[in-house]
Amino acid sequence: MNGKINNLIQIAGIRRYTLTEGKEKGLDVLDCDNGKLRFLLNVGKSLDMMQLYHEGQNVSFVSKNGFTARELPFA
């Protein structure tokens, strides 16, 4: 880099979303992105990583059950 960064949002950022449809309705998600790595964190489940992308390619596994906003007791 050449030192001409005026705002951190130019190289990295975090966005918070609340999903609104399907089984995911009501799920709070943090979307963290720094250009090379992007990952989604589940706010309601101790910031569990939901998905991970490296340079735009998905490198995580998502089961056919997907993600749910439903709270399950931890045994």
PDB file of N, CA and C in Angstrom:
ATOM      1  N   MET A   1       0.828  -1.187   0.000  1.00  0.00           N
ATOM      2  CA  MET A   1       0.000   0.000   0.000  1.00  0.00           C
ATOM      3  C   MET A   1       0.868   1.243   0.000  1.00  0.00           C
ATOM      4  N   ASN A   2       0.329   2.322  -0.494  1.00  0.00           N
ATOM      5  CA  ASN A   2       1.111   3.550  -0.628  1.00  0.00           C
ATOM      6  C   ASN A   2       0.791   4.595   0.442  1.00  0.00           C
ATOM      7  N   GLY A   3       0.043   4.261   1.475  1.00  0.00           N
ATOM      8  CA  GLY A   3      -0.223   5.174   2.570  1.00  0.00           C
ATOM      9  C   GLY A   3      -1.306   6.196   2.300  1.00  0.00           C
ATOM     10  N   LYS A   4      -2.098   6.022   1.256  1.00  0.00           N
ATOM     11  CA  LYS A   4      -3.139   6.994   0.927  1.00  0.00           C
ATOM     12  C   LYS A   4      -4.533   6.496   1.286  1.00  0.00           C
ATOM     13  N   ILE A   5      -4.619   5.789   2.397  1.00  0.00           N
ATOM     14  CA  ILE A   5      -5.905   5.302   2.885  1.00  0.00           C
ATOM     15  C   ILE A   5      -6.456   6.332   3.864  1.00  0.00           C
ATOM     16  N   ASN A   6      -7.611   6.886   3.555  1.00  0.00           N
ATOM     17  CA  ASN A   6      -8.212   7.896   4.421  1.00  0.00           C
ATOM     18  C   ASN A   6      -9.222   7.322   5.396  1.00  0.00           C
ATOM     19  N   ASN A   7      -9.772   6.173   5.068  1.00  0.00           N
ATOM     20  CA  ASN A   7     -10.815   5.599   5.893  1.00  0.00           C
ATOM     21  C   ASN A   7     -10.655   4.081   5.889  1.00  0.00           C
ATOM     22  N   LEU A   8     -10.753   3.448   7.051  1.00  0.00           N
ATOM     23  CA  LEU A   8     -10.576   2.003   7.161  1.00  0.00           C
ATOM     24  C   LEU A   8     -11.561   1.230   6.281  1.00  0.00           C
ATOM     25  N   ILE A   9     -12.737   1.789   6.021  1.00  0.00           N
ATOM     26  CA  ILE A   9     -13.743   1.100   5.203  1.00  0.00           C
ATOM     27  C   ILE A   9     -13.221   0.801   3.786  1.00  0.00           C
ATOM     28  N   GLN A  10     -12.150   1.495   3.355  1.00  0.00           N
ATOM     29  CA  GLN A  10     -11.569   1.246   2.037  1.00  0.00           C
ATOM     30  C   GLN A  10     -10.863  -0.111   1.961  1.00  0.00           C
ATOM     31  N   ILE A  11     -10.434  -0.647   3.101  1.00  0.00           N
ATOM     32  CA  ILE A  11      -9.698  -1.922   3.071  1.00  0.00           C
ATOM     33  C   ILE A  11     -10.350  -3.032   3.878  1.00  0.00           C
ATOM     34  N   ALA A  12     -11.216  -2.691   4.830  1.00  0.00           N
ATOM     35  CA  ALA A  12     -11.869  -3.721   5.644  1.00  0.00           C
ATOM     36  C   ALA A  12     -13.150  -3.152   6.236  1.00  0.00           C
ATOM     37  N   GLY A  13     -14.070  -4.049   6.546  1.00  0.00           N
ATOM     38  CA  GLY A  13     -15.305  -3.584   7.137  1.00  0.00           C
ATOM     39  C   GLY A  13     -16.119  -4.699   7.766  1.00  0.00           C
ATOM     40  N   ILE A  14     -17.040  -4.278   8.621  1.00  0.00           N
ATOM     41  CA  ILE A  14     -17.987  -5.192   9.251  1.00  0.00           C
ATOM     42  C   ILE A  14     -19.375  -4.606   9.067  1.00  0.00           C
ATOM     43  N   ARG A  15     -20.284  -5.442   8.602  1.00  0.00           N
ATOM     44  CA  ARG A  15     -21.681  -5.035   8.453  1.00  0.00           C
ATOM     45  C   ARG A  15     -22.553  -5.994   9.241  1.00  0.00           C
ATOM     46  N   ARG A  16     -23.610  -5.470   9.846  1.00  0.00           N
ATOM     47  CA  ARG A  16     -24.533  -6.302  10.615  1.00  0.00           C
ATOM     48  C   ARG A  16     -25.851  -6.393   9.852  1.00  0.00           C
ATOM     49  N   TYR A  17     -26.350  -7.623   9.717  1.00  0.00           N
ATOM     50  CA  TYR A  17     -27.604  -7.887   9.017  1.00  0.00           C
ATOM     51  C   TYR A  17     -28.542  -8.677   9.918  1.00  0.00           C
ATOM     52  N   THR A  18     -29.822  -8.527   9.695  1.00  0.00           N
ATOM     53  CA  THR A  18     -30.832  -9.404  10.272  1.00  0.00           C
ATOM     54  C   THR A  18     -31.564 -10.042   9.103  1.00  0.00           C
ATOM     55  N   LEU A  19     -31.510 -11.363   9.010  1.00  0.00           N
ATOM     56  CA  LEU A  19     -32.157 -12.077   7.908  1.00  0.00           C
ATOM     57  C   LEU A  19     -33.665 -12.067   8.116  1.00  0.00           C
ATOM     58  N   THR A  20     -34.425 -12.005   7.030  1.00  0.00           N
ATOM     59  CA  THR A  20     -35.862 -11.759   7.140  1.00  0.00           C
ATOM     60  C   THR A  20     -36.763 -12.819   6.532  1.00  0.00           C
ATOM     61  N   GLU A  21     -36.217 -13.883   5.963  1.00  0.00           N
ATOM     62  CA  GLU A  21     -37.071 -14.883   5.310  1.00  0.00           C
ATOM     63  C   GLU A  21     -36.664 -16.302   5.684  1.00  0.00           C
ATOM     64  N   GLY A  22     -37.601 -17.224   5.537  1.00  0.00           N
ATOM     65  CA  GLY A  22     -37.336 -18.644   5.720  1.00  0.00           C
ATOM     66  C   GLY A  22     -36.969 -19.034   7.135  1.00  0.00           C
ATOM     67  N   LYS A  23     -36.246 -20.161   7.255  1.00  0.00           N
ATOM     68  CA  LYS A  23     -35.821 -20.652   8.566  1.00  0.00           C
ATOM     69  C   LYS A  23     -34.861 -19.686   9.249  1.00  0.00           C
ATOM     70  N   GLU A  24     -34.217 -18.832   8.459  1.00  0.00           N
ATOM     71  CA  GLU A  24     -33.237 -17.897   8.989  1.00  0.00           C
ATOM     72  C   GLU A  24     -33.863 -16.619   9.535  1.00  0.00           C
ATOM     73  N   LYS A  25     -35.177 -16.473   9.422  1.00  0.00           N
ATOM     74  CA  LYS A  25     -35.849 -15.230   9.817  1.00  0.00           C
ATOM     75  C   LYS A  25     -35.484 -14.849  11.255  1.00  0.00           C
ATOM     76  N   GLY A  26     -34.985 -13.623  11.425  1.00  0.00           N
ATOM     77  CA  GLY A  26     -34.602 -13.133  12.737  1.00  0.00           C
ATOM     78  C   GLY A  26     -33.155 -13.393  13.119  1.00  0.00           C
ATOM     79  N   LEU A  27     -32.403 -14.077  12.275  1.00  0.00           N
ATOM     80  CA  LEU A  27     -31.007 -14.407  12.563  1.00  0.00           C
ATOM     81  C   LEU A  27     -30.129 -13.171  12.352  1.00  0.00           C
ATOM     82  N   ASP A  28     -29.355 -12.808  13.370  1.00  0.00           N
ATOM     83  CA  ASP A  28     -28.425 -11.685  13.272  1.00  0.00           C
ATOM     84  C   ASP A  28     -27.069 -12.187  12.801  1.00  0.00           C
ATOM     85  N   VAL A  29     -26.509 -11.517  11.797  1.00  0.00           N
ATOM     86  CA  VAL A  29     -25.268 -11.934  11.162  1.00  0.00           C
ATOM     87  C   VAL A  29     -24.306 -10.752  11.075  1.00  0.00           C
ATOM     88  N   LEU A  30     -23.025 -11.003  11.357  1.00  0.00           N
ATOM     89  CA  LEU A  30     -21.968 -10.026  11.096  1.00  0.00           C
ATOM     90  C   LEU A  30     -21.228 -10.473   9.845  1.00  0.00           C
ATOM     91  N   ASP A  31     -21.109  -9.585   8.872  1.00  0.00           N
ATOM     92  CA  ASP A  31     -20.408  -9.852   7.621  1.00  0.00           C
ATOM     93  C   ASP A  31     -19.078  -9.109   7.670  1.00  0.00           C
ATOM     94  N   CYS A  32     -17.975  -9.850   7.841  1.00  0.00           N
ATOM     95  CA  CYS A  32     -16.635  -9.266   7.975  1.00  0.00           C
ATOM     96  C   CYS A  32     -15.876  -9.495   6.669  1.00  0.00           C
ATOM     97  N   ASP A  33     -15.276  -8.426   6.130  1.00  0.00           N
ATOM     98  CA  ASP A  33     -14.628  -8.516   4.826  1.00  0.00           C
ATOM     99  C   ASP A  33     -13.374  -7.646   4.804  1.00  0.00           C
ATOM    100  N   ASN A  34     -12.250  -8.225   4.339  1.00  0.00           N
ATOM    101  CA  ASN A  34     -11.036  -7.430   4.179  1.00  0.00           C
ATOM    102  C   ASN A  34     -10.457  -7.523   2.774  1.00  0.00           C
ATOM    103  N   GLY A  35     -11.258  -7.963   1.820  1.00  0.00           N
ATOM    104  CA  GLY A  35     -10.800  -8.067   0.440  1.00  0.00           C
ATOM    105  C   GLY A  35     -10.358  -9.469   0.067  1.00  0.00           C
ATOM    106  N   LYS A  36      -9.556 -10.104   0.884  1.00  0.00           N
ATOM    107  CA  LYS A  36      -9.134 -11.484   0.623  1.00  0.00           C
ATOM    108  C   LYS A  36      -9.998 -12.475   1.373  1.00  0.00           C
ATOM    109  N   LEU A  37     -10.300 -12.192   2.633  1.00  0.00           N
ATOM    110  CA  LEU A  37     -11.143 -13.059   3.449  1.00  0.00           C
ATOM    111  C   LEU A  37     -12.470 -12.375   3.734  1.00  0.00           C
ATOM    112  N   ARG A  38     -13.532 -13.155   3.644  1.00  0.00           N
ATOM    113  CA  ARG A  38     -14.858 -12.696   4.031  1.00  0.00           C
ATOM    114  C   ARG A  38     -15.484 -13.815   4.833  1.00  0.00           C
ATOM    115  N   PHE A  39     -16.042 -13.484   5.995  1.00  0.00           N
ATOM    116  CA  PHE A  39     -16.693 -14.514   6.788  1.00  0.00           C
ATOM    117  C   PHE A  39     -17.933 -13.958   7.451  1.00  0.00           C
ATOM    118  N   LEU A  40     -18.900 -14.845   7.648  1.00  0.00           N
ATOM    119  CA  LEU A  40     -20.168 -14.496   8.280  1.00  0.00           C
ATOM    120  C   LEU A  40     -20.193 -15.102   9.668  1.00  0.00           C
ATOM    121  N   LEU A  41     -20.521 -14.283  10.670  1.00  0.00           N
ATOM    122  CA  LEU A  41     -20.583 -14.729  12.054  1.00  0.00           C
ATOM    123  C   LEU A  41     -22.019 -14.671  12.545  1.00  0.00           C
ATOM    124  N   ASN A  42     -22.439 -15.702  13.272  1.00  0.00           N
ATOM    125  CA  ASN A  42     -23.778 -15.784  13.839  1.00  0.00           C
ATOM    126  C   ASN A  42     -23.760 -15.118  15.217  1.00  0.00           C
ATOM    127  N   VAL A  43     -24.387 -13.959  15.338  1.00  0.00           N
ATOM    128  CA  VAL A  43     -24.365 -13.185  16.583  1.00  0.00           C
ATOM    129  C   VAL A  43     -25.051 -13.945  17.717  1.00  0.00           C
ATOM    130  N   GLY A  44     -26.157 -14.609  17.449  1.00  0.00           N
ATOM    131  CA  GLY A  44     -26.936 -15.288  18.474  1.00  0.00           C
ATOM    132  C   GLY A  44     -26.320 -16.571  18.993  1.00  0.00           C
ATOM    133  N   LYS A  45     -25.290 -17.069  18.341  1.00  0.00           N
ATOM    134  CA  LYS A  45     -24.668 -18.325  18.764  1.00  0.00           C
ATOM    135  C   LYS A  45     -23.179 -18.133  19.007  1.00  0.00           C
ATOM    136  N   SER A  46     -22.860 -17.173  19.883  1.00  0.00           N
ATOM    137  CA  SER A  46     -21.476 -16.923  20.328  1.00  0.00           C
ATOM    138  C   SER A  46     -20.519 -16.647  19.172  1.00  0.00           C
ATOM    139  N   LEU A  47     -20.984 -15.951  18.167  1.00  0.00           N
ATOM    140  CA  LEU A  47     -20.185 -15.589  16.993  1.00  0.00           C
ATOM    141  C   LEU A  47     -19.617 -16.795  16.255  1.00  0.00           C
ATOM    142  N   ASP A  48     -20.400 -17.882  16.182  1.00  0.00           N
ATOM    143  CA  ASP A  48     -19.992 -19.039  15.377  1.00  0.00           C
ATOM    144  C   ASP A  48     -19.835 -18.602  13.929  1.00  0.00           C
ATOM    145  N   MET A  49     -18.791 -19.113  13.269  1.00  0.00           N
ATOM    146  CA  MET A  49     -18.586 -18.794  11.867  1.00  0.00           C
ATOM    147  C   MET A  49     -19.555 -19.607  11.014  1.00  0.00           C
ATOM    148  N   MET A  50     -20.355 -18.921  10.222  1.00  0.00           N
ATOM    149  CA  MET A  50     -21.341 -19.584   9.382  1.00  0.00           C
ATOM    150  C   MET A  50     -20.760 -19.949   8.024  1.00  0.00           C
ATOM    151  N   GLN A  51     -20.053 -19.016   7.411  1.00  0.00           N
ATOM    152  CA  GLN A  51     -19.450 -19.252   6.106  1.00  0.00           C
ATOM    153  C   GLN A  51     -18.126 -18.524   6.033  1.00  0.00           C
ATOM    154  N   LEU A  52     -17.210 -19.063   5.205  1.00  0.00           N
ATOM    155  CA  LEU A  52     -15.897 -18.465   5.001  1.00  0.00           C
ATOM    156  C   LEU A  52     -15.588 -18.452   3.507  1.00  0.00           C
ATOM    157  N   TYR A  53     -15.148 -17.302   3.018  1.00  0.00           N
ATOM    158  CA  TYR A  53     -14.782 -17.136   1.614  1.00  0.00           C
ATOM    159  C   TYR A  53     -13.342 -16.649   1.532  1.00  0.00           C
ATOM    160  N   HIS A  54     -12.583 -17.195   0.595  1.00  0.00           N
ATOM    161  CA  HIS A  54     -11.223 -16.718   0.328  1.00  0.00           C
ATOM    162  C   HIS A  54     -11.177 -16.257  -1.115  1.00  0.00           C
ATOM    163  N   GLU A  55     -10.902 -14.976  -1.313  1.00  0.00           N
ATOM    164  CA  GLU A  55     -10.882 -14.356  -2.637  1.00  0.00           C
ATOM    165  C   GLU A  55     -12.130 -14.712  -3.439  1.00  0.00           C
ATOM    166  N   GLY A  56     -13.280 -14.673  -2.783  1.00  0.00           N
ATOM    167  CA  GLY A  56     -14.563 -14.900  -3.445  1.00  0.00           C
ATOM    168  C   GLY A  56     -14.998 -16.350  -3.560  1.00  0.00           C
ATOM    169  N   GLN A  57     -14.136 -17.297  -3.212  1.00  0.00           N
ATOM    170  CA  GLN A  57     -14.463 -18.722  -3.306  1.00  0.00           C
ATOM    171  C   GLN A  57     -14.883 -19.254  -1.937  1.00  0.00           C
ATOM    172  N   ASN A  58     -16.015 -19.923  -1.889  1.00  0.00           N
ATOM    173  CA  ASN A  58     -16.503 -20.499  -0.639  1.00  0.00           C
ATOM    174  C   ASN A  58     -15.606 -21.665  -0.232  1.00  0.00           C
ATOM    175  N   VAL A  59     -15.096 -21.627   0.997  1.00  0.00           N
ATOM    176  CA  VAL A  59     -14.256 -22.715   1.499  1.00  0.00           C
ATOM    177  C   VAL A  59     -14.865 -23.363   2.740  1.00  0.00           C
ATOM    178  N   SER A  60     -16.126 -23.076   3.009  1.00  0.00           N
ATOM    179  CA  SER A  60     -16.802 -23.652   4.173  1.00  0.00           C
ATOM    180  C   SER A  60     -17.821 -24.695   3.734  1.00  0.00           C
ATOM    181  N   PHE A  61     -18.264 -25.475   4.695  1.00  0.00           N
ATOM    182  CA  PHE A  61     -19.288 -26.490   4.444  1.00  0.00           C
ATOM    183  C   PHE A  61     -20.588 -26.045   5.096  1.00  0.00           C
ATOM    184  N   VAL A  62     -21.661 -26.074   4.323  1.00  0.00           N
ATOM    185  CA  VAL A  62     -22.993 -25.777   4.852  1.00  0.00           C
ATOM    186  C   VAL A  62     -23.843 -27.013   4.606  1.00  0.00           C
ATOM    187  N   SER A  63     -24.370 -27.605   5.678  1.00  0.00           N
ATOM    188  CA  SER A  63     -25.176 -28.817   5.535  1.00  0.00           C
ATOM    189  C   SER A  63     -26.506 -28.495   4.853  1.00  0.00           C
ATOM    190  N   LYS A  64     -27.216 -29.519   4.428  1.00  0.00           N
ATOM    191  CA  LYS A  64     -28.488 -29.280   3.739  1.00  0.00           C
ATOM    192  C   LYS A  64     -29.538 -28.681   4.672  1.00  0.00           C
ATOM    193  N   ASN A  65     -29.322 -28.756   5.988  1.00  0.00           N
ATOM    194  CA  ASN A  65     -30.242 -28.115   6.932  1.00  0.00           C
ATOM    195  C   ASN A  65     -30.096 -26.603   6.926  1.00  0.00           C
ATOM    196  N   GLY A  66     -28.962 -26.108   6.496  1.00  0.00           N
ATOM    197  CA  GLY A  66     -28.723 -24.666   6.426  1.00  0.00           C
ATOM    198  C   GLY A  66     -28.595 -24.041   7.796  1.00  0.00           C
ATOM    199  N   PHE A  67     -28.994 -22.784   7.892  1.00  0.00           N
ATOM    200  CA  PHE A  67     -28.911 -22.034   9.132  1.00  0.00           C
ATOM    201  C   PHE A  67     -30.324 -21.755   9.635  1.00  0.00           C
ATOM    202  N   THR A  68     -30.498 -21.726  10.931  1.00  0.00           N
ATOM    203  CA  THR A  68     -31.802 -21.423  11.511  1.00  0.00           C
ATOM    204  C   THR A  68     -31.656 -20.404  12.633  1.00  0.00           C
ATOM    205  N   ALA A  69     -32.700 -19.633  12.834  1.00  0.00           N
ATOM    206  CA  ALA A  69     -32.729 -18.669  13.936  1.00  0.00           C
ATOM    207  C   ALA A  69     -33.274 -19.310  15.193  1.00  0.00           C
ATOM    208  N   ARG A  70     -33.761 -20.546  15.069  1.00  0.00           N
ATOM    209  CA  ARG A  70     -34.361 -21.248  16.204  1.00  0.00           C
ATOM    210  C   ARG A  70     -33.305 -21.531  17.260  1.00  0.00           C
ATOM    211  N   GLU A  71     -33.649 -21.243  18.499  1.00  0.00           N
ATOM    212  CA  GLU A  71     -32.734 -21.507  19.605  1.00  0.00           C
ATOM    213  C   GLU A  71     -32.915 -22.943  20.096  1.00  0.00           C
ATOM    214  N   LEU A  72     -31.838 -23.697  20.097  1.00  0.00           N
ATOM    215  CA  LEU A  72     -31.850 -25.064  20.604  1.00  0.00           C
ATOM    216  C   LEU A  72     -31.080 -25.101  21.918  1.00  0.00           C
ATOM    217  N   PRO A  73     -31.565 -25.853  22.902  1.00  0.00           N
ATOM    218  CA  PRO A  73     -30.826 -25.916  24.163  1.00  0.00           C
ATOM    219  C   PRO A  73     -29.487 -26.612  23.973  1.00  0.00           C
ATOM    220  N   PHE A  74     -28.481 -26.119  24.664  1.00  0.00           N
ATOM    221  CA  PHE A  74     -27.159 -26.718  24.606  1.00  0.00           C
ATOM    222  C   PHE A  74     -27.071 -27.770  25.702  1.00  0.00           C
ATOM    223  N   ALA A  75     -26.936 -29.036  25.296  1.00  0.00           N
ATOM    224  CA  ALA A  75     -26.986 -30.144  26.261  1.00  0.00           C
ATOM    225  C   ALA A  75     -25.741 -30.288  27.057  1.00  0.00           C
TER     226      ALA A  75
END
